[in-house]
Structure formats: C-alpha cells, structure tokens
Amino acid sequence: MSSKLTLYIDDDVIHHIKNYAKEQKISVSKVVNNFLTLLKQNKTEPEETTAPITNALQGVLKESTSDKEAYHKHLEDKYL
C-alpha cells in the first residue's frame, strides 16, 4: 500500500536527489522510499547501524596493551 506524503526539503538537497534519481533511472519517490526502508532496517538490526569502515575496525585493538596512563604519558612527552 502506498500513501502520499508531503515533505519540506532544502532546495539544494532536492536538486541533488533529482540528479541522483535521474542517473539511477528511478523516481525521487523510489529514492526516498529506499532510504527510509534502510532506516527502518537499521532500527531493527542495531549491529548494522555503524558505517562499514567502523565495522571493519572493530576488534583491531583487542590485544592492545595500551592504557590511559600510557597515552597521557605520551601526550605529556609530546607537548611538555
């Protein structure tokens, strides 16, 4: 089921989205619908709400031995 919706969007955003829709050969309504569908999916799947680069970096420092004191010592040595 589809319903009509009125949105107030900045002119520059409208211009950009119209160009994007034209390049993708889809309607602006479809672009907005796809975006809102992604937001809905992210709401129900919290592990997917982070950016791909963030997901790629998760766990990188698990075996790190650094701590706050070492970081503060580094900053003191660097700036004092």
PDB file of N, CA and C in Angstrom:
ATOM      1  N   MET A   1       0.832  -1.174   0.000  1.00  0.00           N
ATOM      2  CA  MET A   1       0.000   0.000   0.000  1.00  0.00           C
ATOM      3  C   MET A   1       0.879   1.241   0.000  1.00  0.00           C
ATOM      4  N   SER A   2       0.561   2.199  -0.829  1.00  0.00           N
ATOM      5  CA  SER A   2       1.306   3.451  -0.906  1.00  0.00           C
ATOM      6  C   SER A   2       0.408   4.599  -0.484  1.00  0.00           C
ATOM      7  N   SER A   3       1.025   5.595   0.132  1.00  0.00           N
ATOM      8  CA  SER A   3       0.304   6.796   0.554  1.00  0.00           C
ATOM      9  C   SER A   3       1.084   8.014   0.129  1.00  0.00           C
ATOM     10  N   LYS A   4       0.381   9.103  -0.068  1.00  0.00           N
ATOM     11  CA  LYS A   4       1.018  10.364  -0.437  1.00  0.00           C
ATOM     12  C   LYS A   4       1.553  11.032   0.824  1.00  0.00           C
ATOM     13  N   LEU A   5       2.734  11.663   0.700  1.00  0.00           N
ATOM     14  CA  LEU A   5       3.379  12.334   1.814  1.00  0.00           C
ATOM     15  C   LEU A   5       3.990  13.633   1.326  1.00  0.00           C
ATOM     16  N   THR A   6       3.777  14.710   2.065  1.00  0.00           N
ATOM     17  CA  THR A   6       4.377  15.996   1.727  1.00  0.00           C
ATOM     18  C   THR A   6       5.603  16.204   2.609  1.00  0.00           C
ATOM     19  N   LEU A   7       6.736  16.516   1.977  1.00  0.00           N
ATOM     20  CA  LEU A   7       7.980  16.752   2.707  1.00  0.00           C
ATOM     21  C   LEU A   7       8.499  18.149   2.406  1.00  0.00           C
ATOM     22  N   TYR A   8       9.123  18.759   3.376  1.00  0.00           N
ATOM     23  CA  TYR A   8       9.801  20.034   3.186  1.00  0.00           C
ATOM     24  C   TYR A   8      11.297  19.776   3.256  1.00  0.00           C
ATOM     25  N   ILE A   9      11.973  19.975   2.120  1.00  0.00           N
ATOM     26  CA  ILE A   9      13.393  19.645   1.987  1.00  0.00           C
ATOM     27  C   ILE A   9      14.111  20.839   1.369  1.00  0.00           C
ATOM     28  N   ASP A  10      15.344  21.085   1.808  1.00  0.00           N
ATOM     29  CA  ASP A  10      16.142  22.186   1.271  1.00  0.00           C
ATOM     30  C   ASP A  10      16.289  22.064  -0.237  1.00  0.00           C
ATOM     31  N   ASP A  11      16.297  23.211  -0.912  1.00  0.00           N
ATOM     32  CA  ASP A  11      16.387  23.229  -2.377  1.00  0.00           C
ATOM     33  C   ASP A  11      17.620  22.517  -2.910  1.00  0.00           C
ATOM     34  N   ASP A  12      18.771  22.703  -2.244  1.00  0.00           N
ATOM     35  CA  ASP A  12      19.990  22.063  -2.740  1.00  0.00           C
ATOM     36  C   ASP A  12      19.917  20.541  -2.614  1.00  0.00           C
ATOM     37  N   VAL A  13      19.246  20.063  -1.585  1.00  0.00           N
ATOM     38  CA  VAL A  13      19.071  18.616  -1.414  1.00  0.00           C
ATOM     39  C   VAL A  13      18.138  18.077  -2.501  1.00  0.00           C
ATOM     40  N   ILE A  14      17.075  18.810  -2.783  1.00  0.00           N
ATOM     41  CA  ILE A  14      16.144  18.400  -3.833  1.00  0.00           C
ATOM     42  C   ILE A  14      16.861  18.314  -5.176  1.00  0.00           C
ATOM     43  N   HIS A  15      17.674  19.314  -5.471  1.00  0.00           N
ATOM     44  CA  HIS A  15      18.425  19.324  -6.734  1.00  0.00           C
ATOM     45  C   HIS A  15      19.333  18.089  -6.805  1.00  0.00           C
ATOM     46  N   HIS A  16      20.034  17.815  -5.727  1.00  0.00           N
ATOM     47  CA  HIS A  16      20.949  16.665  -5.692  1.00  0.00           C
ATOM     48  C   HIS A  16      20.191  15.350  -5.858  1.00  0.00           C
ATOM     49  N   ILE A  17      19.088  15.205  -5.143  1.00  0.00           N
ATOM     50  CA  ILE A  17      18.347  13.939  -5.200  1.00  0.00           C
ATOM     51  C   ILE A  17      17.698  13.731  -6.569  1.00  0.00           C
ATOM     52  N   LYS A  18      17.270  14.820  -7.209  1.00  0.00           N
ATOM     53  CA  LYS A  18      16.712  14.691  -8.560  1.00  0.00           C
ATOM     54  C   LYS A  18      17.783  14.226  -9.543  1.00  0.00           C
ATOM     55  N   ASN A  19      18.980  14.779  -9.420  1.00  0.00           N
ATOM     56  CA  ASN A  19      20.084  14.342 -10.289  1.00  0.00           C
ATOM     57  C   ASN A  19      20.433  12.883 -10.038  1.00  0.00           C
ATOM     58  N   TYR A  20      20.486  12.516  -8.759  1.00  0.00           N
ATOM     59  CA  TYR A  20      20.798  11.125  -8.404  1.00  0.00           C
ATOM     60  C   TYR A  20      19.750  10.175  -8.983  1.00  0.00           C
ATOM     61  N   ALA A  21      18.473  10.533  -8.812  1.00  0.00           N
ATOM     62  CA  ALA A  21      17.385   9.688  -9.316  1.00  0.00           C
ATOM     63  C   ALA A  21      17.466   9.546 -10.839  1.00  0.00           C
ATOM     64  N   LYS A  22      17.791  10.639 -11.507  1.00  0.00           N
ATOM     65  CA  LYS A  22      17.912  10.605 -12.962  1.00  0.00           C
ATOM     66  C   LYS A  22      19.054   9.685 -13.393  1.00  0.00           C
ATOM     67  N   GLU A  23      20.193   9.783 -12.703  1.00  0.00           N
ATOM     68  CA  GLU A  23      21.342   8.923 -13.015  1.00  0.00           C
ATOM     69  C   GLU A  23      21.021   7.451 -12.791  1.00  0.00           C
ATOM     70  N   GLN A  24      20.245   7.180 -11.735  1.00  0.00           N
ATOM     71  CA  GLN A  24      19.897   5.803 -11.393  1.00  0.00           C
ATOM     72  C   GLN A  24      18.690   5.290 -12.173  1.00  0.00           C
ATOM     73  N   LYS A  25      18.051   6.205 -12.916  1.00  0.00           N
ATOM     74  CA  LYS A  25      16.854   5.880 -13.701  1.00  0.00           C
ATOM     75  C   LYS A  25      15.719   5.351 -12.822  1.00  0.00           C
ATOM     76  N   ILE A  26      15.537   6.039 -11.685  1.00  0.00           N
ATOM     77  CA  ILE A  26      14.421   5.741 -10.785  1.00  0.00           C
ATOM     78  C   ILE A  26      13.781   7.056 -10.366  1.00  0.00           C
ATOM     79  N   SER A  27      12.611   6.986  -9.797  1.00  0.00           N
ATOM     80  CA  SER A  27      11.915   8.203  -9.370  1.00  0.00           C
ATOM     81  C   SER A  27      12.468   8.704  -8.041  1.00  0.00           C
ATOM     82  N   VAL A  28      12.236   9.978  -7.773  1.00  0.00           N
ATOM     83  CA  VAL A  28      12.625  10.559  -6.489  1.00  0.00           C
ATOM     84  C   VAL A  28      11.876   9.849  -5.368  1.00  0.00           C
ATOM     85  N   SER A  29      10.622   9.508  -5.597  1.00  0.00           N
ATOM     86  CA  SER A  29       9.836   8.779  -4.596  1.00  0.00           C
ATOM     87  C   SER A  29      10.505   7.451  -4.245  1.00  0.00           C
ATOM     88  N   LYS A  30      11.019   6.773  -5.261  1.00  0.00           N
ATOM     89  CA  LYS A  30      11.689   5.486  -5.019  1.00  0.00           C
ATOM     90  C   LYS A  30      12.979   5.683  -4.222  1.00  0.00           C
ATOM     91  N   VAL A  31      13.714   6.756  -4.507  1.00  0.00           N
ATOM     92  CA  VAL A  31      14.942   7.058  -3.754  1.00  0.00           C
ATOM     93  C   VAL A  31      14.607   7.271  -2.283  1.00  0.00           C
ATOM     94  N   VAL A  32      13.595   8.089  -2.036  1.00  0.00           N
ATOM     95  CA  VAL A  32      13.196   8.385  -0.653  1.00  0.00           C
ATOM     96  C   VAL A  32      12.683   7.115   0.015  1.00  0.00           C
ATOM     97  N   ASN A  33      11.869   6.340  -0.702  1.00  0.00           N
ATOM     98  CA  ASN A  33      11.350   5.095  -0.140  1.00  0.00           C
ATOM     99  C   ASN A  33      12.489   4.138   0.214  1.00  0.00           C
ATOM    100  N   ASN A  34      13.471   4.003  -0.676  1.00  0.00           N
ATOM    101  CA  ASN A  34      14.619   3.131  -0.402  1.00  0.00           C
ATOM    102  C   ASN A  34      15.397   3.595   0.816  1.00  0.00           C
ATOM    103  N   PHE A  35      15.595   4.908   0.928  1.00  0.00           N
ATOM    104  CA  PHE A  35      16.331   5.452   2.068  1.00  0.00           C
ATOM    105  C   PHE A  35      15.581   5.186   3.371  1.00  0.00           C
ATOM    106  N   LEU A  36      14.294   5.452   3.376  1.00  0.00           N
ATOM    107  CA  LEU A  36      13.503   5.237   4.590  1.00  0.00           C
ATOM    108  C   LEU A  36      13.421   3.755   4.944  1.00  0.00           C
ATOM    109  N   THR A  37      13.409   2.903   3.944  1.00  0.00           N
ATOM    110  CA  THR A  37      13.420   1.459   4.190  1.00  0.00           C
ATOM    111  C   THR A  37      14.736   1.055   4.851  1.00  0.00           C
ATOM    112  N   LEU A  38      15.838   1.626   4.396  1.00  0.00           N
ATOM    113  CA  LEU A  38      17.134   1.346   5.030  1.00  0.00           C
ATOM    114  C   LEU A  38      17.149   1.808   6.480  1.00  0.00           C
ATOM    115  N   LEU A  39      16.579   2.968   6.748  1.00  0.00           N
ATOM    116  CA  LEU A  39      16.498   3.447   8.130  1.00  0.00           C
ATOM    117  C   LEU A  39      15.691   2.486   8.994  1.00  0.00           C
ATOM    118  N   LYS A  40      14.599   1.999   8.449  1.00  0.00           N
ATOM    119  CA  LYS A  40      13.751   1.046   9.172  1.00  0.00           C
ATOM    120  C   LYS A  40      14.516  -0.236   9.464  1.00  0.00           C
ATOM    121  N   GLN A  41      15.258  -0.739   8.487  1.00  0.00           N
ATOM    122  CA  GLN A  41      16.039  -1.965   8.676  1.00  0.00           C
ATOM    123  C   GLN A  41      17.120  -1.758   9.730  1.00  0.00           C
ATOM    124  N   ASN A  42      17.786  -0.615   9.692  1.00  0.00           N
ATOM    125  CA  ASN A  42      18.831  -0.332  10.668  1.00  0.00           C
ATOM    126  C   ASN A  42      18.264  -0.218  12.071  1.00  0.00           C
ATOM    127  N   LYS A  43      17.059   0.221  12.192  1.00  0.00           N
ATOM    128  CA  LYS A  43      16.418   0.350  13.505  1.00  0.00           C
ATOM    129  C   LYS A  43      16.203  -1.015  14.131  1.00  0.00           C
ATOM    130  N   THR A  44      15.849  -1.999  13.317  1.00  0.00           N
ATOM    131  CA  THR A  44      15.582  -3.336  13.845  1.00  0.00           C
ATOM    132  C   THR A  44      16.849  -4.183  13.935  1.00  0.00           C
ATOM    133  N   GLU A  45      17.926  -3.771  13.272  1.00  0.00           N
ATOM    134  CA  GLU A  45      19.179  -4.515  13.295  1.00  0.00           C
ATOM    135  C   GLU A  45      20.296  -3.592  13.764  1.00  0.00           C
ATOM    136  N   PRO A  46      20.420  -3.365  15.081  1.00  0.00           N
ATOM    137  CA  PRO A  46      21.366  -2.374  15.589  1.00  0.00           C
ATOM    138  C   PRO A  46      22.820  -2.633  15.220  1.00  0.00           C
ATOM    139  N   GLU A  47      23.209  -3.889  14.989  1.00  0.00           N
ATOM    140  CA  GLU A  47      24.599  -4.155  14.634  1.00  0.00           C
ATOM    141  C   GLU A  47      24.964  -3.602  13.266  1.00  0.00           C
ATOM    142  N   GLU A  48      23.971  -3.257  12.463  1.00  0.00           N
ATOM    143  CA  GLU A  48      24.209  -2.732  11.125  1.00  0.00           C
ATOM    144  C   GLU A  48      24.146  -1.208  11.062  1.00  0.00           C
ATOM    145  N   THR A  49      24.017  -0.529  12.204  1.00  0.00           N
ATOM    146  CA  THR A  49      23.847   0.922  12.191  1.00  0.00           C
ATOM    147  C   THR A  49      25.170   1.671  12.053  1.00  0.00           C
ATOM    148  N   THR A  50      26.286   0.990  12.172  1.00  0.00           N
ATOM    149  CA  THR A  50      27.569   1.660  12.045  1.00  0.00           C
ATOM    150  C   THR A  50      28.032   1.641  10.596  1.00  0.00           C
ATOM    151  N   ALA A  51      28.910   2.562  10.288  1.00  0.00           N
ATOM    152  CA  ALA A  51      29.453   2.646   8.933  1.00  0.00           C
ATOM    153  C   ALA A  51      30.320   1.422   8.647  1.00  0.00           C
ATOM    154  N   PRO A  52      30.437   1.032   7.389  1.00  0.00           N
ATOM    155  CA  PRO A  52      31.252  -0.144   7.050  1.00  0.00           C
ATOM    156  C   PRO A  52      32.691  -0.037   7.543  1.00  0.00           C
ATOM    157  N   ILE A  53      33.272   1.154   7.493  1.00  0.00           N
ATOM    158  CA  ILE A  53      34.656   1.304   7.962  1.00  0.00           C
ATOM    159  C   ILE A  53      34.747   1.049   9.459  1.00  0.00           C
ATOM    160  N   THR A  54      33.714   1.467  10.197  1.00  0.00           N
ATOM    161  CA  THR A  54      33.693   1.223  11.634  1.00  0.00           C
ATOM    162  C   THR A  54      33.599  -0.271  11.902  1.00  0.00           C
ATOM    163  N   ASN A  55      32.747  -0.946  11.162  1.00  0.00           N
ATOM    164  CA  ASN A  55      32.640  -2.403  11.315  1.00  0.00           C
ATOM    165  C   ASN A  55      33.963  -3.086  11.018  1.00  0.00           C
ATOM    166  N   ALA A  56      34.686  -2.591  10.026  1.00  0.00           N
ATOM    167  CA  ALA A  56      35.968  -3.195   9.656  1.00  0.00           C
ATOM    168  C   ALA A  56      37.019  -2.999  10.742  1.00  0.00           C
ATOM    169  N   LEU A  57      36.904  -1.930  11.516  1.00  0.00           N
ATOM    170  CA  LEU A  57      37.897  -1.637  12.540  1.00  0.00           C
ATOM    171  C   LEU A  57      37.579  -2.266  13.896  1.00  0.00           C
ATOM    172  N   GLN A  58      36.387  -2.778  14.070  1.00  0.00           N
ATOM    173  CA  GLN A  58      36.019  -3.360  15.352  1.00  0.00           C
ATOM    174  C   GLN A  58      36.922  -4.533  15.687  1.00  0.00           C
ATOM    175  N   GLY A  59      37.438  -4.528  16.916  1.00  0.00           N
ATOM    176  CA  GLY A  59      38.273  -5.618  17.380  1.00  0.00           C
ATOM    177  C   GLY A  59      39.743  -5.471  17.073  1.00  0.00           C
ATOM    178  N   VAL A  60      40.128  -4.406  16.377  1.00  0.00           N
ATOM    179  CA  VAL A  60      41.528  -4.231  15.999  1.00  0.00           C
ATOM    180  C   VAL A  60      42.419  -4.106  17.237  1.00  0.00           C
ATOM    181  N   LEU A  61      41.945  -3.462  18.280  1.00  0.00           N
ATOM    182  CA  LEU A  61      42.762  -3.220  19.468  1.00  0.00           C
ATOM    183  C   LEU A  61      42.492  -4.198  20.609  1.00  0.00           C
ATOM    184  N   LYS A  62      41.851  -5.304  20.356  1.00  0.00           N
ATOM    185  CA  LYS A  62      41.531  -6.256  21.427  1.00  0.00           C
ATOM    186  C   LYS A  62      42.775  -6.726  22.170  1.00  0.00           C
ATOM    187  N   GLU A  63      43.867  -6.931  21.456  1.00  0.00           N
ATOM    188  CA  GLU A  63      45.080  -7.436  22.084  1.00  0.00           C
ATOM    189  C   GLU A  63      46.046  -6.317  22.449  1.00  0.00           C
ATOM    190  N   SER A  64      45.595  -5.092  22.382  1.00  0.00           N
ATOM    191  CA  SER A  64      46.455  -3.959  22.690  1.00  0.00           C
ATOM    192  C   SER A  64      46.749  -3.896  24.184  1.00  0.00           C
ATOM    193  N   THR A  65      47.974  -3.511  24.514  1.00  0.00           N
ATOM    194  CA  THR A  65      48.355  -3.383  25.929  1.00  0.00           C
ATOM    195  C   THR A  65      48.368  -1.925  26.371  1.00  0.00           C
ATOM    196  N   SER A  66      47.939  -1.007  25.499  1.00  0.00           N
ATOM    197  CA  SER A  66      47.955   0.407  25.860  1.00  0.00           C
ATOM    198  C   SER A  66      46.845   0.698  26.858  1.00  0.00           C
ATOM    199  N   ASP A  67      47.077   1.733  27.645  1.00  0.00           N
ATOM    200  CA  ASP A  67      46.088   2.150  28.622  1.00  0.00           C
ATOM    201  C   ASP A  67      46.082   3.669  28.723  1.00  0.00           C
ATOM    202  N   LYS A  68      45.212   4.221  29.532  1.00  0.00           N
ATOM    203  CA  LYS A  68      45.092   5.669  29.658  1.00  0.00           C
ATOM    204  C   LYS A  68      46.385   6.313  30.142  1.00  0.00           C
ATOM    205  N   GLU A  69      47.019   5.700  31.124  1.00  0.00           N
ATOM    206  CA  GLU A  69      48.246   6.280  31.671  1.00  0.00           C
ATOM    207  C   GLU A  69      49.339   6.382  30.619  1.00  0.00           C
ATOM    208  N   ALA A  70      49.487   5.349  29.823  1.00  0.00           N
ATOM    209  CA  ALA A  70      50.496   5.369  28.769  1.00  0.00           C
ATOM    210  C   ALA A  70      50.173   6.452  27.750  1.00  0.00           C
ATOM    211  N   TYR A  71      48.901   6.629  27.433  1.00  0.00           N
ATOM    212  CA  TYR A  71      48.504   7.662  26.487  1.00  0.00           C
ATOM    213  C   TYR A  71      48.771   9.047  27.060  1.00  0.00           C
ATOM    214  N   HIS A  72      48.437   9.252  28.321  1.00  0.00           N
ATOM    215  CA  HIS A  72      48.693  10.547  28.962  1.00  0.00           C
ATOM    216  C   HIS A  72      50.194  10.827  29.026  1.00  0.00           C
ATOM    217  N   LYS A  73      50.991   9.811  29.306  1.00  0.00           N
ATOM    218  CA  LYS A  73      52.455   9.966  29.339  1.00  0.00           C
ATOM    219  C   LYS A  73      52.954  10.366  27.957  1.00  0.00           C
ATOM    220  N   HIS A  74      52.411   9.730  26.910  1.00  0.00           N
ATOM    221  CA  HIS A  74      52.783  10.075  25.549  1.00  0.00           C
ATOM    222  C   HIS A  74      52.474  11.539  25.246  1.00  0.00           C
ATOM    223  N   LEU A  75      51.294  11.995  25.642  1.00  0.00           N
ATOM    224  CA  LEU A  75      50.907  13.391  25.389  1.00  0.00           C
ATOM    225  C   LEU A  75      51.790  14.356  26.162  1.00  0.00           C
ATOM    226  N   GLU A  76      52.111  14.017  27.412  1.00  0.00           N
ATOM    227  CA  GLU A  76      52.993  14.869  28.209  1.00  0.00           C
ATOM    228  C   GLU A  76      54.376  14.971  27.563  1.00  0.00           C
ATOM    229  N   ASP A  77      54.900  13.835  27.127  1.00  0.00           N
ATOM    230  CA  ASP A  77      56.219  13.828  26.485  1.00  0.00           C
ATOM    231  C   ASP A  77      56.181  14.628  25.177  1.00  0.00           C
ATOM    232  N   LYS A  78      55.099  14.537  24.463  1.00  0.00           N
ATOM    233  CA  LYS A  78      54.996  15.200  23.180  1.00  0.00           C
ATOM    234  C   LYS A  78      54.828  16.704  23.323  1.00  0.00           C
ATOM    235  N   TYR A  79      54.002  17.148  24.251  1.00  0.00           N
ATOM    236  CA  TYR A  79      53.639  18.554  24.326  1.00  0.00           C
ATOM    237  C   TYR A  79      54.271  19.343  25.467  1.00  0.00           C
ATOM    238  N   LEU A  80      54.920  18.682  26.408  1.00  0.00           N
ATOM    239  CA  LEU A  80      55.522  19.428  27.527  1.00  0.00           C
ATOM    240  C   LEU A  80      57.017  19.433  27.471  1.00  0.00           C
TER     241      LEU A  80
END
